[in-house]
C-alpha atoms as a PDB file:
ATOM      1  CA  MET A   1      22.781  35.204 -14.667  1.00  0.00           C
ATOM      2  CA  GLY A   2      26.389  34.150 -14.316  1.00  0.00           C
ATOM      3  CA  ARG A   3      27.700  30.621 -14.565  1.00  0.00           C
ATOM      4  CA  ALA A   4      27.946  30.066 -10.833  1.00  0.00           C
ATOM      5  CA  ASP A   5      24.409  31.308 -10.182  1.00  0.00           C
ATOM      6  CA  TYR A   6      23.040  29.270 -13.085  1.00  0.00           C
ATOM      7  CA  HIS A   7      24.847  26.166 -11.874  1.00  0.00           C
ATOM      8  CA  GLU A   8      23.524  26.590  -8.332  1.00  0.00           C
ATOM      9  CA  GLU A   9      19.940  27.217  -9.467  1.00  0.00           C
ATOM     10  CA  MET A  10      19.919  24.239 -11.822  1.00  0.00           C
ATOM     11  CA  ARG A  11      21.522  22.010  -9.200  1.00  0.00           C
ATOM     12  CA  HIS A  12      18.637  22.830  -6.855  1.00  0.00           C
ATOM     13  CA  ARG A  13      16.034  22.246  -9.570  1.00  0.00           C
ATOM     14  CA  ILE A  14      17.539  18.875 -10.455  1.00  0.00           C
ATOM     15  CA  GLN A  15      17.645  17.952  -6.778  1.00  0.00           C
ATOM     16  CA  ASP A  16      13.996  18.993  -6.317  1.00  0.00           C
ATOM     17  CA  LEU A  17      12.960  16.827  -9.259  1.00  0.00           C
ATOM     18  CA  GLY A  18      14.798  13.925  -7.636  1.00  0.00           C
ATOM     19  CA  PHE A  19      12.820  14.490  -4.428  1.00  0.00           C
ATOM     20  CA  ALA A  20       9.549  14.512  -6.394  1.00  0.00           C
ATOM     21  CA  ILE A  21      10.486  11.220  -8.079  1.00  0.00           C
ATOM     22  CA  ASP A  22      11.335   9.712  -4.682  1.00  0.00           C
ATOM     23  CA  ARG A  23       7.977  10.840  -3.250  1.00  0.00           C
ATOM     24  CA  LEU A  24       6.205   9.082  -6.096  1.00  0.00           C
ATOM     25  CA  ARG A  25       8.202   5.907  -5.524  1.00  0.00           C
ATOM     26  CA  HIS A  26       7.054   5.908  -1.899  1.00  0.00           C
ATOM     27  CA  ARG A  27       3.446   6.431  -2.963  1.00  0.00           C
ATOM     28  CA  LEU A  28       3.699   3.391  -5.210  1.00  0.00           C
ATOM     29  CA  ASP A  29       4.206   1.301  -2.107  1.00  0.00           C
ATOM     30  CA  GLY A  30       0.530   1.982  -1.360  1.00  0.00           C
ATOM     31  CA  PRO A  31      -2.508   0.457  -3.032  1.00  0.00           C
ATOM     32  CA  VAL A  32      -2.049   0.595  -6.803  1.00  0.00           C
ATOM     33  CA  ASP A  33      -3.070  -2.216  -9.138  1.00  0.00           C
ATOM     34  CA  ASP A  34      -0.102  -4.236 -10.361  1.00  0.00           C
ATOM     35  CA  ARG A  35      -0.222  -3.129 -13.993  1.00  0.00           C
ATOM     36  CA  SER A  36      -0.364   0.546 -13.073  1.00  0.00           C
ATOM     37  CA  LYS A  37       2.411   0.128 -10.533  1.00  0.00           C
ATOM     38  CA  VAL A  38       4.727  -1.529 -13.033  1.00  0.00           C
ATOM     39  CA  GLU A  39       4.012   1.126 -15.662  1.00  0.00           C
ATOM     40  CA  LEU A  40       4.560   4.010 -13.231  1.00  0.00           C
ATOM     41  CA  LYS A  41       7.737   2.507 -11.836  1.00  0.00           C
ATOM     42  CA  GLY A  42       9.065   2.157 -15.396  1.00  0.00           C
ATOM     43  CA  ARG A  43       8.256   5.788 -16.148  1.00  0.00           C
ATOM     44  CA  LEU A  44       9.925   6.906 -12.937  1.00  0.00           C
ATOM     45  CA  ALA A  45      13.038   4.873 -13.691  1.00  0.00           C
ATOM     46  CA  GLY A  46      13.323   6.473 -17.121  1.00  0.00           C
ATOM     47  CA  LEU A  47      12.826   9.954 -15.711  1.00  0.00           C
ATOM     48  CA  GLU A  48      15.399   9.303 -12.999  1.00  0.00           C
ATOM     49  CA  ARG A  49      17.983   8.152 -15.565  1.00  0.00           C
ATOM     50  CA  ARG A  50      17.449  11.313 -17.588  1.00  0.00           C
ATOM     51  CA  ARG A  51      17.639  13.420 -14.429  1.00  0.00           C
ATOM     52  CA  GLU A  52      20.931  11.785 -13.453  1.00  0.00           C
ATOM     53  CA  GLN A  53      22.349  12.362 -16.943  1.00  0.00           C
ATOM     54  CA  LEU A  54      21.453  16.046 -16.752  1.00  0.00           C
ATOM     55  CA  GLU A  55      22.934  16.278 -13.268  1.00  0.00           C
ATOM     56  CA  HIS A  56      26.207  14.868 -14.610  1.00  0.00           C
ATOM     57  CA  ARG A  57      26.155  17.195 -17.632  1.00  0.00           C
ATOM     58  CA  LEU A  58      25.565  20.175 -15.363  1.00  0.00           C
ATOM     59  CA  GLU A  59      28.729  19.325 -13.447  1.00  0.00           C
ATOM     60  CA  THR A  60      30.794  19.292 -16.641  1.00  0.00           C
ATOM     61  CA  LEU A  61      29.091  22.347 -18.154  1.00  0.00           C
ATOM     62  CA  GLY A  62      30.939  24.791 -15.924  1.00  0.00           C
ATOM     63  CA  ASP A  63      34.325  23.702 -17.281  1.00  0.00           C
ATOM     64  CA  GLU A  64      33.522  24.697 -20.859  1.00  0.00           C
ATOM     65  CA  PRO A  65      35.098  27.747 -22.530  1.00  0.00           C
ATOM     66  CA  ASP A  66      32.858  30.810 -22.908  1.00  0.00           C
ATOM     67  CA  GLY A  67      31.779  30.217 -26.523  1.00  0.00           C
ATOM     68  CA  ALA A  68      30.943  26.566 -25.973  1.00  0.00           C
ATOM     69  CA  TRP A  69      29.332  27.240 -22.603  1.00  0.00           C
ATOM     70  CA  SER A  70      26.658  29.463 -24.093  1.00  0.00           C
ATOM     71  CA  ARG A  71      25.751  26.919 -26.777  1.00  0.00           C
ATOM     72  CA  LEU A  72      25.823  23.976 -24.367  1.00  0.00           C
ATOM     73  CA  LYS A  73      23.798  25.907 -21.795  1.00  0.00           C
ATOM     74  CA  ASN A  74      21.074  26.484 -24.374  1.00  0.00           C
ATOM     75  CA  GLN A  75      21.075  22.791 -25.245  1.00  0.00           C
ATOM     76  CA  PHE A  76      20.992  21.899 -21.544  1.00  0.00           C
ATOM     77  CA  ASP A  77      18.036  24.262 -21.009  1.00  0.00           C
ATOM     78  CA  LEU A  78      16.095  22.531 -23.798  1.00  0.00           C
ATOM     79  CA  GLU A  79      16.805  19.086 -22.385  1.00  0.00           C
ATOM     80  CA  TRP A  80      15.820  20.270 -18.897  1.00  0.00           C
ATOM     81  CA  PHE A  81      12.562  21.696 -20.238  1.00  0.00           C
ATOM     82  CA  ASP A  82      11.810  18.412 -22.045  1.00  0.00           C
ATOM     83  CA  LEU A  83      12.495  16.402 -18.900  1.00  0.00           C
ATOM     84  CA  VAL A  84      10.273  18.593 -16.724  1.00  0.00           C
ATOM     85  CA  GLN A  85       7.524  18.515 -19.349  1.00  0.00           C
ATOM     86  CA  ASP A  86       7.714  14.712 -19.542  1.00  0.00           C
ATOM     87  CA  PHE A  87       7.575  14.489 -15.762  1.00  0.00           C
ATOM     88  CA  GLU A  88       4.518  16.715 -15.585  1.00  0.00           C
ATOM     89  CA  ASP A  89       2.767  14.959 -18.479  1.00  0.00           C
ATOM     90  CA  ARG A  90       3.501  11.401 -17.396  1.00  0.00           C
ATOM     91  CA  VAL A  91       3.526  11.361 -13.609  1.00  0.00           C
ATOM     92  CA  GLY A  92       3.449  14.893 -12.181  1.00  0.00           C
ATOM     93  CA  ARG A  93      -0.269  14.750 -11.498  1.00  0.00           C
ATOM     94  CA  LEU A  94       0.443  12.042  -8.913  1.00  0.00           C
ATOM     95  CA  VAL A  95       2.691  14.247  -6.759  1.00  0.00           C
END
C-alpha cells in the first residue's frame, strides 16, 4: 500500500474511532451512576487525546523521507494498535 492510500485509510479509521467515542459520550448522558459516569468520561477523554495525537502525527507522517517514513509508519501502526486495543478493552463493549 502506498503512502497516499495508507494515509487515507488511517484517516478514515481515526475518524471512525472519533465517532465511536462521540457515541459513547452521548450514551453517558443517559442513566449511569455517577461514579461510573465519571470513570467512563475520564477514559474517553484519555482515549480522545491519544486519538487526536495520532491524527496529528498521521498528517506529518506523509512529509517524511522514504527511509524515515517506513520506520515511523511501523511505530505509528503499533501506537494505533495499542489505542484500538485500549478502546476495546476499556470502553468498546459499551458501543
